[in-house]
Amino acid sequence: MISTYPHTIELAEQVALECQKLGADPAILLETDDVFYGQFKNYSDENLRTASAHCLGLVEYARSYVWLGGPKDPGPMRRVPKERFAAMYAGERAHEDKALEKKPKSVGVALGMVTRERAKTYGFNYAKWKAMTEAAIAVDYGRLEGKGQTFAGLLSAPYEVRVAADNGTDLRFRLAGPDRKVHVNDGVISDEDIAAGNPDAQLPAGAVWIAPVEDSAEGTFVCDLPIPQMGKLIQGLAWRFQHGRVTEFTARKNVDLAQVGRDEATGEKDMFASFGIGLNPKAQPGFLNNYIVAGAVSVGVGDNRGYGGRNRSSWGFAGTVS
């Protein structure tokens, strides 16, 4: 299943043709900005909270997904009440749970997110962003895979970890050891990835992720990069952890956008969830995919079942320090 918006339809066609050459049976799912924003105008909260029968049906038989990104223009998100987004996220949870069960292969291609409209909304230099994304996709994948395996070996040991930075970050936690599989995003979904429960990849690629010991986190993690969210930028996101639980959740600006859906969420929504390290030497910070920048460190809270963790929740969020 190839999900596209009109501005990436030609890329979707090329992907479909390559799938045909391999004997696959591709289908293209076309979405539009008008339909995406129309759901907030036309649906009640109850409708938004109800899982799409189409999505639930697709995940029953589609064995592979390619996501080309959208909507084209995130600007109108600023006018959508946060409660409506929270309702939409709640409606997507059943599909996400089903995907965790079925584990279809899934590839997200960031080229579809690189639009002039998105650059204007978030204050990005469009030409620089586009050139960086293309360069990061054209990286040497053999070297990227080698880096990924090196870090995977390190993260598979039960080490005590400390993450510290000049911006106030000082976080300590413990890795679980070989019982937790490291998820290596090197742009390829291999048989080894499938066996490890990692059917996902992104382009550009370049990160390793793991679910550490959830209740081991102590200290503070402060993001030094803005997080684009719903047409605005979250700046200075910070978490303070005690026994793995978030005890303070702040930001210099737009903290409410980082918390959409959190109040009504269930499960271990406030627990330490994930740790990631960026590997891509061509990626640059300050855009959408900060977590793949070589040397960047990311931390997540909430649900971490996708990484083999024990947190089951209907909410999650992550941030990065460069």
C-alpha atoms as a PDB file:
ATOM      1  CA  MET A   1       0.000   0.000   0.000  1.00  0.00           C
ATOM      2  CA  ILE A   2       1.489   3.332  -1.111  1.00  0.00           C
ATOM      3  CA  SER A   3       0.051   6.367   0.679  1.00  0.00           C
ATOM      4  CA  THR A   4       0.460   9.625  -1.218  1.00  0.00           C
ATOM      5  CA  TYR A   5      -0.777  13.180  -1.552  1.00  0.00           C
ATOM      6  CA  PRO A   6      -1.115  14.921  -4.945  1.00  0.00           C
ATOM      7  CA  HIS A   7       2.315  16.554  -4.701  1.00  0.00           C
ATOM      8  CA  THR A   8       4.006  13.121  -4.488  1.00  0.00           C
ATOM      9  CA  ILE A   9       1.832  11.240  -6.964  1.00  0.00           C
ATOM     10  CA  GLU A  10       4.653  10.861  -9.511  1.00  0.00           C
ATOM     11  CA  LEU A  11       6.921   9.366  -6.854  1.00  0.00           C
ATOM     12  CA  ALA A  12       4.086   7.033  -5.821  1.00  0.00           C
ATOM     13  CA  GLU A  13       3.758   5.867  -9.426  1.00  0.00           C
ATOM     14  CA  GLN A  14       7.490   5.133  -9.626  1.00  0.00           C
ATOM     15  CA  VAL A  15       7.347   3.161  -6.380  1.00  0.00           C
ATOM     16  CA  ALA A  16       4.370   1.185  -7.699  1.00  0.00           C
ATOM     17  CA  LEU A  17       6.178   0.377 -10.942  1.00  0.00           C
ATOM     18  CA  GLU A  18       9.221  -0.899  -9.037  1.00  0.00           C
ATOM     19  CA  CYS A  19       6.908  -3.028  -6.894  1.00  0.00           C
ATOM     20  CA  GLN A  20       5.396  -4.538 -10.035  1.00  0.00           C
ATOM     21  CA  LYS A  21       8.873  -5.466 -11.302  1.00  0.00           C
ATOM     22  CA  LEU A  22       9.349  -7.493  -8.121  1.00  0.00           C
ATOM     23  CA  GLY A  23       6.031  -9.278  -8.544  1.00  0.00           C
ATOM     24  CA  ALA A  24       4.232  -7.344  -5.801  1.00  0.00           C
ATOM     25  CA  ASP A  25       0.626  -6.141  -6.028  1.00  0.00           C
ATOM     26  CA  PRO A  26       0.785  -2.385  -5.281  1.00  0.00           C
ATOM     27  CA  ALA A  27      -2.160  -0.096  -4.638  1.00  0.00           C
ATOM     28  CA  ILE A  28      -1.978   3.698  -4.327  1.00  0.00           C
ATOM     29  CA  LEU A  29      -4.019   5.433  -1.636  1.00  0.00           C
ATOM     30  CA  LEU A  30      -4.534   9.107  -2.505  1.00  0.00           C
ATOM     31  CA  GLU A  31      -5.161  11.614   0.265  1.00  0.00           C
ATOM     32  CA  THR A  32      -5.541  15.392  -0.050  1.00  0.00           C
ATOM     33  CA  ASP A  33      -5.110  18.403   2.183  1.00  0.00           C
ATOM     34  CA  ASP A  34      -8.802  19.274   1.825  1.00  0.00           C
ATOM     35  CA  VAL A  35      -9.899  15.827   2.995  1.00  0.00           C
ATOM     36  CA  PHE A  36      -7.366  15.805   5.846  1.00  0.00           C
ATOM     37  CA  TYR A  37      -8.594  19.138   7.214  1.00  0.00           C
ATOM     38  CA  GLY A  38     -12.187  18.338   6.288  1.00  0.00           C
ATOM     39  CA  GLN A  39     -12.376  15.671   8.991  1.00  0.00           C
ATOM     40  CA  PHE A  40     -12.005  18.362  11.660  1.00  0.00           C
ATOM     41  CA  LYS A  41     -14.871  20.363  10.137  1.00  0.00           C
ATOM     42  CA  ASN A  42     -17.237  17.533   9.274  1.00  0.00           C
ATOM     43  CA  TYR A  43     -16.780  14.935  12.017  1.00  0.00           C
ATOM     44  CA  SER A  44     -17.947  15.036  15.599  1.00  0.00           C
ATOM     45  CA  ASP A  45     -15.484  14.171  18.359  1.00  0.00           C
ATOM     46  CA  GLU A  46     -17.115  10.746  18.497  1.00  0.00           C
ATOM     47  CA  ASN A  47     -16.468  10.223  14.777  1.00  0.00           C
ATOM     48  CA  LEU A  48     -12.836  11.267  15.161  1.00  0.00           C
ATOM     49  CA  ARG A  49     -12.369   8.849  18.053  1.00  0.00           C
ATOM     50  CA  THR A  50     -13.740   5.957  16.007  1.00  0.00           C
ATOM     51  CA  ALA A  51     -11.105   3.954  14.165  1.00  0.00           C
ATOM     52  CA  SER A  52     -11.403   4.076  10.386  1.00  0.00           C
ATOM     53  CA  ALA A  53     -12.826   0.815   9.040  1.00  0.00           C
ATOM     54  CA  HIS A  54     -10.696   1.339   5.931  1.00  0.00           C
ATOM     55  CA  CYS A  55      -7.477   1.532   7.960  1.00  0.00           C
ATOM     56  CA  LEU A  56      -8.383  -1.492  10.070  1.00  0.00           C
ATOM     57  CA  GLY A  57      -9.278  -3.452   6.962  1.00  0.00           C
ATOM     58  CA  LEU A  58      -6.083  -2.531   5.125  1.00  0.00           C
ATOM     59  CA  VAL A  59      -3.809  -3.661   7.936  1.00  0.00           C
ATOM     60  CA  GLU A  60      -5.481  -7.069   7.838  1.00  0.00           C
ATOM     61  CA  TYR A  61      -4.113  -7.817   4.371  1.00  0.00           C
ATOM     62  CA  ALA A  62      -1.480  -5.226   3.384  1.00  0.00           C
ATOM     63  CA  ARG A  63       1.948  -6.687   4.125  1.00  0.00           C
ATOM     64  CA  SER A  64       3.957  -3.582   3.240  1.00  0.00           C
ATOM     65  CA  TYR A  65       3.346   0.167   3.467  1.00  0.00           C
ATOM     66  CA  VAL A  66       5.150   3.105   1.875  1.00  0.00           C
ATOM     67  CA  TRP A  67       4.276   6.489   3.379  1.00  0.00           C
ATOM     68  CA  LEU A  68       5.213   9.482   1.219  1.00  0.00           C
ATOM     69  CA  GLY A  69       4.130  12.163   3.670  1.00  0.00           C
ATOM     70  CA  GLY A  70       1.567  14.902   4.001  1.00  0.00           C
ATOM     71  CA  PRO A  71      -0.408  17.026   4.202  1.00  0.00           C
ATOM     72  CA  LYS A  72       1.426  19.439   1.928  1.00  0.00           C
ATOM     73  CA  ASP A  73       0.589  22.506   4.020  1.00  0.00           C
ATOM     74  CA  PRO A  74       0.644  22.244   7.843  1.00  0.00           C
ATOM     75  CA  GLY A  75      -0.301  25.897   8.301  1.00  0.00           C
ATOM     76  CA  PRO A  76      -4.056  25.286   8.807  1.00  0.00           C
ATOM     77  CA  MET A  77      -3.224  22.977  11.736  1.00  0.00           C
ATOM     78  CA  ARG A  78      -2.776  26.120  13.821  1.00  0.00           C
ATOM     79  CA  ARG A  79      -6.512  26.759  13.575  1.00  0.00           C
ATOM     80  CA  VAL A  80      -7.594  23.263  14.589  1.00  0.00           C
ATOM     81  CA  PRO A  81      -8.424  23.002  18.325  1.00  0.00           C
ATOM     82  CA  LYS A  82      -6.014  20.726  20.164  1.00  0.00           C
ATOM     83  CA  GLU A  83      -8.950  18.716  21.483  1.00  0.00           C
ATOM     84  CA  ARG A  84      -9.849  17.770  17.918  1.00  0.00           C
ATOM     85  CA  PHE A  85      -6.327  16.513  17.261  1.00  0.00           C
ATOM     86  CA  ALA A  86      -6.489  14.535  20.505  1.00  0.00           C
ATOM     87  CA  ALA A  87      -9.718  12.908  19.317  1.00  0.00           C
ATOM     88  CA  MET A  88      -8.126  12.022  15.964  1.00  0.00           C
ATOM     89  CA  TYR A  89      -5.088  10.494  17.684  1.00  0.00           C
ATOM     90  CA  ALA A  90      -7.409   8.432  19.875  1.00  0.00           C
ATOM     91  CA  GLY A  91      -9.127   7.134  16.751  1.00  0.00           C
ATOM     92  CA  GLU A  92      -5.794   6.041  15.290  1.00  0.00           C
ATOM     93  CA  ARG A  93      -4.854   3.939  18.319  1.00  0.00           C
ATOM     94  CA  ALA A  94      -6.788   0.819  17.254  1.00  0.00           C
ATOM     95  CA  HIS A  95      -5.008   0.850  13.894  1.00  0.00           C
ATOM     96  CA  GLU A  96      -1.624   1.278  15.599  1.00  0.00           C
ATOM     97  CA  ASP A  97      -2.366  -1.605  17.958  1.00  0.00           C
ATOM     98  CA  LYS A  98      -3.380  -3.791  15.021  1.00  0.00           C
ATOM     99  CA  ALA A  99      -0.161  -2.866  13.205  1.00  0.00           C
ATOM    100  CA  LEU A 100       1.854  -3.893  16.271  1.00  0.00           C
ATOM    101  CA  GLU A 101       0.100  -7.254  16.110  1.00  0.00           C
ATOM    102  CA  LYS A 102       0.359  -7.824  12.341  1.00  0.00           C
ATOM    103  CA  LYS A 103       3.805  -6.187  11.918  1.00  0.00           C
ATOM    104  CA  PRO A 104       3.582  -5.177   8.250  1.00  0.00           C
ATOM    105  CA  LYS A 105       6.735  -3.748   6.710  1.00  0.00           C
ATOM    106  CA  SER A 106       6.577   0.037   6.738  1.00  0.00           C
ATOM    107  CA  VAL A 107       8.788   2.663   5.094  1.00  0.00           C
ATOM    108  CA  GLY A 108       8.370   6.398   5.625  1.00  0.00           C
ATOM    109  CA  VAL A 109       9.871   8.632   2.916  1.00  0.00           C
ATOM    110  CA  ALA A 110      10.490  12.182   4.140  1.00  0.00           C
ATOM    111  CA  LEU A 111      10.629  13.744   0.672  1.00  0.00           C
ATOM    112  CA  GLY A 112       6.882  14.260   0.747  1.00  0.00           C
ATOM    113  CA  MET A 113       7.201  16.390   3.869  1.00  0.00           C
ATOM    114  CA  VAL A 114       9.699  18.753   2.223  1.00  0.00           C
ATOM    115  CA  THR A 115       7.370  21.400   0.800  1.00  0.00           C
ATOM    116  CA  ARG A 116       7.570  25.169   0.458  1.00  0.00           C
ATOM    117  CA  GLU A 117       4.392  25.450   2.514  1.00  0.00           C
ATOM    118  CA  ARG A 118       5.879  23.478   5.421  1.00  0.00           C
ATOM    119  CA  ALA A 119       9.131  25.443   5.199  1.00  0.00           C
ATOM    120  CA  LYS A 120       7.201  28.726   5.398  1.00  0.00           C
ATOM    121  CA  THR A 121       5.099  27.525   8.328  1.00  0.00           C
ATOM    122  CA  TYR A 122       8.092  26.466  10.430  1.00  0.00           C
ATOM    123  CA  GLY A 123      10.625  29.034   9.249  1.00  0.00           C
ATOM    124  CA  PHE A 124      12.883  26.567   7.419  1.00  0.00           C
ATOM    125  CA  ASN A 125      15.160  27.484   4.518  1.00  0.00           C
ATOM    126  CA  TYR A 126      13.445  25.414   1.837  1.00  0.00           C
ATOM    127  CA  ALA A 127      16.415  25.062  -0.529  1.00  0.00           C
ATOM    128  CA  LYS A 128      18.769  24.048   2.282  1.00  0.00           C
ATOM    129  CA  TRP A 129      16.212  21.621   3.733  1.00  0.00           C
ATOM    130  CA  LYS A 130      15.543  19.963   0.369  1.00  0.00           C
ATOM    131  CA  ALA A 131      19.249  19.631  -0.470  1.00  0.00           C
ATOM    132  CA  MET A 132      20.006  18.203   2.972  1.00  0.00           C
ATOM    133  CA  THR A 133      17.188  15.649   2.759  1.00  0.00           C
ATOM    134  CA  GLU A 134      18.294  14.462  -0.672  1.00  0.00           C
ATOM    135  CA  ALA A 135      21.918  14.190   0.478  1.00  0.00           C
ATOM    136  CA  ALA A 136      20.884  12.287   3.610  1.00  0.00           C
ATOM    137  CA  ILE A 137      18.905   9.819   1.495  1.00  0.00           C
ATOM    138  CA  ALA A 138      21.882   9.316  -0.854  1.00  0.00           C
ATOM    139  CA  VAL A 139      24.205   8.362   2.016  1.00  0.00           C
ATOM    140  CA  ASP A 140      26.507   5.316   1.855  1.00  0.00           C
ATOM    141  CA  TYR A 141      24.173   2.623   3.202  1.00  0.00           C
ATOM    142  CA  GLY A 142      26.931   0.092   3.690  1.00  0.00           C
ATOM    143  CA  ARG A 143      28.748   2.405   6.081  1.00  0.00           C
ATOM    144  CA  LEU A 144      25.452   3.326   7.739  1.00  0.00           C
ATOM    145  CA  GLU A 145      24.683  -0.339   8.333  1.00  0.00           C
ATOM    146  CA  GLY A 146      28.146  -0.856   9.816  1.00  0.00           C
ATOM    147  CA  LYS A 147      27.682   2.031  12.240  1.00  0.00           C
ATOM    148  CA  GLY A 148      24.281   0.708  13.177  1.00  0.00           C
ATOM    149  CA  GLN A 149      25.625  -2.728  14.013  1.00  0.00           C
ATOM    150  CA  THR A 150      28.442  -1.233  16.097  1.00  0.00           C
ATOM    151  CA  PHE A 151      26.030   0.812  18.188  1.00  0.00           C
ATOM    152  CA  ALA A 152      23.602  -2.095  18.391  1.00  0.00           C
ATOM    153  CA  GLY A 153      26.333  -4.156  20.014  1.00  0.00           C
ATOM    154  CA  LEU A 154      27.023  -1.447  22.575  1.00  0.00           C
ATOM    155  CA  LEU A 155      23.345  -0.934  23.398  1.00  0.00           C
ATOM    156  CA  SER A 156      22.796  -4.670  23.837  1.00  0.00           C
ATOM    157  CA  ALA A 157      24.931  -4.734  26.993  1.00  0.00           C
ATOM    158  CA  PRO A 158      23.471  -3.914  30.451  1.00  0.00           C
ATOM    159  CA  TYR A 159      25.419  -0.671  30.800  1.00  0.00           C
ATOM    160  CA  GLU A 160      24.691   2.295  33.012  1.00  0.00           C
ATOM    161  CA  VAL A 161      24.274   5.313  30.713  1.00  0.00           C
ATOM    162  CA  ARG A 162      24.669   9.016  31.353  1.00  0.00           C
ATOM    163  CA  VAL A 163      23.528  11.666  28.856  1.00  0.00           C
ATOM    164  CA  ALA A 164      24.824  15.164  29.631  1.00  0.00           C
ATOM    165  CA  ALA A 165      24.877  18.438  27.692  1.00  0.00           C
ATOM    166  CA  ASP A 166      25.549  22.118  28.350  1.00  0.00           C
ATOM    167  CA  ASN A 167      21.835  22.966  28.067  1.00  0.00           C
ATOM    168  CA  GLY A 168      21.005  21.367  31.419  1.00  0.00           C
ATOM    169  CA  THR A 169      20.592  17.782  30.270  1.00  0.00           C
ATOM    170  CA  ASP A 170      21.868  15.298  32.846  1.00  0.00           C
ATOM    171  CA  LEU A 171      20.074  11.982  32.627  1.00  0.00           C
ATOM    172  CA  ARG A 172      21.122   8.557  33.908  1.00  0.00           C
ATOM    173  CA  PHE A 173      19.490   5.228  33.143  1.00  0.00           C
ATOM    174  CA  ARG A 174      20.243   1.548  32.643  1.00  0.00           C
ATOM    175  CA  LEU A 175      20.157  -0.621  29.535  1.00  0.00           C
ATOM    176  CA  ALA A 176      18.342  -3.933  29.854  1.00  0.00           C
ATOM    177  CA  GLY A 177      20.911  -6.090  28.074  1.00  0.00           C
ATOM    178  CA  PRO A 178      20.406  -8.675  25.311  1.00  0.00           C
ATOM    179  CA  ASP A 179      16.783  -9.348  26.270  1.00  0.00           C
ATOM    180  CA  ARG A 180      15.844  -6.057  24.566  1.00  0.00           C
ATOM    181  CA  LYS A 181      16.508  -5.978  20.832  1.00  0.00           C
ATOM    182  CA  VAL A 182      18.097  -2.857  19.363  1.00  0.00           C
ATOM    183  CA  HIS A 183      16.148  -1.373  16.456  1.00  0.00           C
ATOM    184  CA  VAL A 184      18.569  -0.281  13.742  1.00  0.00           C
ATOM    185  CA  ASN A 185      17.113   2.135  11.187  1.00  0.00           C
ATOM    186  CA  ASP A 186      19.637   1.792   8.366  1.00  0.00           C
ATOM    187  CA  GLY A 187      17.130   2.184   5.529  1.00  0.00           C
ATOM    188  CA  VAL A 188      16.802  -1.557   4.925  1.00  0.00           C
ATOM    189  CA  ILE A 189      14.251  -3.967   6.390  1.00  0.00           C
ATOM    190  CA  SER A 190      16.236  -7.194   6.498  1.00  0.00           C
ATOM    191  CA  ASP A 191      15.259 -10.686   7.582  1.00  0.00           C
ATOM    192  CA  GLU A 192      17.238 -10.009  10.764  1.00  0.00           C
ATOM    193  CA  ASP A 193      15.168  -6.882  11.394  1.00  0.00           C
ATOM    194  CA  ILE A 194      11.951  -8.844  10.986  1.00  0.00           C
ATOM    195  CA  ALA A 195      13.185 -11.519  13.393  1.00  0.00           C
ATOM    196  CA  ALA A 196      14.026  -8.787  15.905  1.00  0.00           C
ATOM    197  CA  GLY A 197      10.504  -7.346  15.623  1.00  0.00           C
ATOM    198  CA  ASN A 198      11.620  -4.280  13.665  1.00  0.00           C
ATOM    199  CA  PRO A 199       9.595  -4.073  10.430  1.00  0.00           C
ATOM    200  CA  ASP A 200      10.000  -0.291  10.022  1.00  0.00           C
ATOM    201  CA  ALA A 201      12.433   1.962   8.170  1.00  0.00           C
ATOM    202  CA  GLN A 202      12.666   5.620   7.244  1.00  0.00           C
ATOM    203  CA  LEU A 203      14.339   7.509   4.422  1.00  0.00           C
ATOM    204  CA  PRO A 204      16.513   9.338   5.170  1.00  0.00           C
ATOM    205  CA  ALA A 205      17.705   6.670   7.578  1.00  0.00           C
ATOM    206  CA  GLY A 206      20.277   6.596  10.318  1.00  0.00           C
ATOM    207  CA  ALA A 207      19.405   5.876  13.945  1.00  0.00           C
ATOM    208  CA  VAL A 208      19.463   3.143  16.555  1.00  0.00           C
ATOM    209  CA  TRP A 209      16.697   2.878  19.148  1.00  0.00           C
ATOM    210  CA  ILE A 210      16.170   0.743  22.213  1.00  0.00           C
ATOM    211  CA  ALA A 211      13.759   0.456  25.120  1.00  0.00           C
ATOM    212  CA  PRO A 212      15.940   0.802  28.255  1.00  0.00           C
ATOM    213  CA  VAL A 213      14.898  -0.248  31.767  1.00  0.00           C
ATOM    214  CA  GLU A 214      11.841   1.943  32.151  1.00  0.00           C
ATOM    215  CA  ASP A 215      12.039   2.716  35.873  1.00  0.00           C
ATOM    216  CA  SER A 216      15.791   3.421  35.838  1.00  0.00           C
ATOM    217  CA  ALA A 217      15.738   6.996  34.488  1.00  0.00           C
ATOM    218  CA  GLU A 218      16.883   9.698  36.899  1.00  0.00           C
ATOM    219  CA  GLY A 219      17.572  13.330  36.095  1.00  0.00           C
ATOM    220  CA  THR A 220      16.700  15.854  33.407  1.00  0.00           C
ATOM    221  CA  PHE A 221      16.509  15.774  29.615  1.00  0.00           C
ATOM    222  CA  VAL A 222      16.263  19.108  27.771  1.00  0.00           C
ATOM    223  CA  CYS A 223      15.730  19.363  24.009  1.00  0.00           C
ATOM    224  CA  ASP A 224      17.914  21.980  22.341  1.00  0.00           C
ATOM    225  CA  LEU A 225      16.135  21.706  18.993  1.00  0.00           C
ATOM    226  CA  PRO A 226      12.628  23.004  18.260  1.00  0.00           C
ATOM    227  CA  ILE A 227      10.018  20.340  17.527  1.00  0.00           C
ATOM    228  CA  PRO A 228       7.600  21.138  14.658  1.00  0.00           C
ATOM    229  CA  GLN A 229       4.105  20.215  15.769  1.00  0.00           C
ATOM    230  CA  MET A 230       0.671  21.195  14.434  1.00  0.00           C
ATOM    231  CA  GLY A 231       1.921  24.250  12.574  1.00  0.00           C
ATOM    232  CA  LYS A 232       4.016  25.639  15.438  1.00  0.00           C
ATOM    233  CA  LEU A 233       7.377  25.005  17.108  1.00  0.00           C
ATOM    234  CA  ILE A 234       7.775  23.489  20.561  1.00  0.00           C
ATOM    235  CA  GLN A 235      10.881  25.082  22.058  1.00  0.00           C
ATOM    236  CA  GLY A 236      12.931  23.968  25.043  1.00  0.00           C
ATOM    237  CA  LEU A 237      10.978  20.818  25.860  1.00  0.00           C
ATOM    238  CA  ALA A 238      12.232  19.384  29.165  1.00  0.00           C
ATOM    239  CA  TRP A 239      11.455  16.319  31.258  1.00  0.00           C
ATOM    240  CA  ARG A 240      12.565  15.582  34.794  1.00  0.00           C
ATOM    241  CA  PHE A 241      12.571  11.887  35.719  1.00  0.00           C
ATOM    242  CA  GLN A 242      12.435  10.146  39.075  1.00  0.00           C
ATOM    243  CA  HIS A 243      12.415   6.331  39.183  1.00  0.00           C
ATOM    244  CA  GLY A 244      11.636   6.430  35.466  1.00  0.00           C
ATOM    245  CA  ARG A 245       8.538   8.578  35.828  1.00  0.00           C
ATOM    246  CA  VAL A 246       8.151  12.106  34.463  1.00  0.00           C
ATOM    247  CA  THR A 247       7.733  14.443  37.442  1.00  0.00           C
ATOM    248  CA  GLU A 248       8.090  17.718  35.506  1.00  0.00           C
ATOM    249  CA  PHE A 249       7.020  18.345  31.902  1.00  0.00           C
ATOM    250  CA  THR A 250       7.844  21.850  30.673  1.00  0.00           C
ATOM    251  CA  ALA A 251       8.881  23.875  27.632  1.00  0.00           C
ATOM    252  CA  ARG A 252       9.824  27.464  26.959  1.00  0.00           C
ATOM    253  CA  LYS A 253       7.114  27.687  24.314  1.00  0.00           C
ATOM    254  CA  ASN A 254       4.077  25.635  23.227  1.00  0.00           C
ATOM    255  CA  VAL A 255       4.346  22.866  25.809  1.00  0.00           C
ATOM    256  CA  ASP A 256       0.631  22.210  25.287  1.00  0.00           C
ATOM    257  CA  LEU A 257       1.355  20.927  21.775  1.00  0.00           C
ATOM    258  CA  ALA A 258       3.669  18.278  23.199  1.00  0.00           C
ATOM    259  CA  GLN A 259       0.901  17.145  25.542  1.00  0.00           C
ATOM    260  CA  VAL A 260      -2.005  16.790  23.111  1.00  0.00           C
ATOM    261  CA  GLY A 261      -3.926  13.661  24.075  1.00  0.00           C
ATOM    262  CA  ARG A 262      -1.856  13.071  27.212  1.00  0.00           C
ATOM    263  CA  ASP A 263      -4.469  14.022  29.798  1.00  0.00           C
ATOM    264  CA  GLU A 264      -6.971  11.451  28.580  1.00  0.00           C
ATOM    265  CA  ALA A 265      -4.361   8.820  27.715  1.00  0.00           C
ATOM    266  CA  THR A 266      -4.228   5.497  29.506  1.00  0.00           C
ATOM    267  CA  GLY A 267      -1.386   3.304  30.667  1.00  0.00           C
ATOM    268  CA  GLU A 268       2.255   4.191  31.327  1.00  0.00           C
ATOM    269  CA  LYS A 269       2.073   7.564  29.607  1.00  0.00           C
ATOM    270  CA  ASP A 270       4.556   9.226  31.981  1.00  0.00           C
ATOM    271  CA  MET A 271       7.210   6.511  31.964  1.00  0.00           C
ATOM    272  CA  PHE A 272      10.648   6.615  30.372  1.00  0.00           C
ATOM    273  CA  ALA A 273      10.309   4.716  27.103  1.00  0.00           C
ATOM    274  CA  SER A 274      13.119   4.927  24.584  1.00  0.00           C
ATOM    275  CA  PHE A 275      16.663   6.020  23.832  1.00  0.00           C
ATOM    276  CA  GLY A 276      18.025   6.740  20.360  1.00  0.00           C
ATOM    277  CA  ILE A 277      21.305   7.787  18.745  1.00  0.00           C
ATOM    278  CA  GLY A 278      21.564   9.440  15.312  1.00  0.00           C
ATOM    279  CA  LEU A 279      23.980   8.043  12.725  1.00  0.00           C
ATOM    280  CA  ASN A 280      23.476   9.914   9.430  1.00  0.00           C
ATOM    281  CA  PRO A 281      26.548  12.054   8.564  1.00  0.00           C
ATOM    282  CA  LYS A 282      24.666  14.032   5.906  1.00  0.00           C
ATOM    283  CA  ALA A 283      21.673  14.985   8.054  1.00  0.00           C
ATOM    284  CA  GLN A 284      21.623  18.429   9.653  1.00  0.00           C
ATOM    285  CA  PRO A 285      19.714  19.578  12.749  1.00  0.00           C
ATOM    286  CA  GLY A 286      16.932  22.119  12.778  1.00  0.00           C
ATOM    287  CA  PHE A 287      14.395  20.507  10.465  1.00  0.00           C
ATOM    288  CA  LEU A 288      12.015  17.534  10.888  1.00  0.00           C
ATOM    289  CA  ASN A 289      14.217  14.458  11.299  1.00  0.00           C
ATOM    290  CA  ASN A 290      16.584  15.649  14.017  1.00  0.00           C
ATOM    291  CA  TYR A 291      16.847  12.178  15.526  1.00  0.00           C
ATOM    292  CA  ILE A 292      18.917  10.850  12.586  1.00  0.00           C
ATOM    293  CA  VAL A 293      21.623  13.550  12.788  1.00  0.00           C
ATOM    294  CA  ALA A 294      24.965  11.902  13.575  1.00  0.00           C
ATOM    295  CA  GLY A 295      25.620  12.208  17.304  1.00  0.00           C
ATOM    296  CA  ALA A 296      22.138  13.437  18.209  1.00  0.00           C
ATOM    297  CA  VAL A 297      20.524  11.773  21.219  1.00  0.00           C
ATOM    298  CA  SER A 298      16.775  11.263  21.556  1.00  0.00           C
ATOM    299  CA  VAL A 299      14.583  10.222  24.462  1.00  0.00           C
ATOM    300  CA  GLY A 300      10.940   9.187  24.440  1.00  0.00           C
ATOM    301  CA  VAL A 301       8.208   8.749  27.023  1.00  0.00           C
ATOM    302  CA  GLY A 302       4.979   6.741  26.995  1.00  0.00           C
ATOM    303  CA  ASP A 303       4.259   3.692  24.870  1.00  0.00           C
ATOM    304  CA  ASN A 304       7.325   1.677  23.834  1.00  0.00           C
ATOM    305  CA  ARG A 305       5.906  -1.649  22.705  1.00  0.00           C
ATOM    306  CA  GLY A 306       7.251  -0.977  19.216  1.00  0.00           C
ATOM    307  CA  TYR A 307      10.757  -1.260  20.667  1.00  0.00           C
ATOM    308  CA  GLY A 308       9.988  -4.342  22.724  1.00  0.00           C
ATOM    309  CA  GLY A 309       9.422  -2.433  25.964  1.00  0.00           C
ATOM    310  CA  ARG A 310       6.827  -3.003  28.655  1.00  0.00           C
ATOM    311  CA  ASN A 311       5.067   0.384  28.544  1.00  0.00           C
ATOM    312  CA  ARG A 312       1.556   0.024  27.179  1.00  0.00           C
ATOM    313  CA  SER A 313      -0.087   3.393  26.651  1.00  0.00           C
ATOM    314  CA  SER A 314      -2.289   5.284  24.235  1.00  0.00           C
ATOM    315  CA  TRP A 315       0.217   8.169  24.129  1.00  0.00           C
ATOM    316  CA  GLY A 316       3.884   8.863  23.557  1.00  0.00           C
ATOM    317  CA  PHE A 317       6.283  11.657  22.645  1.00  0.00           C
ATOM    318  CA  ALA A 318      10.002  12.103  21.952  1.00  0.00           C
ATOM    319  CA  GLY A 319      12.575  14.881  21.765  1.00  0.00           C
ATOM    320  CA  THR A 320      16.202  15.350  20.752  1.00  0.00           C
ATOM    321  CA  VAL A 321      19.378  17.032  21.959  1.00  0.00           C
ATOM    322  CA  SER A 322      22.073  17.647  19.355  1.00  0.00           C
END
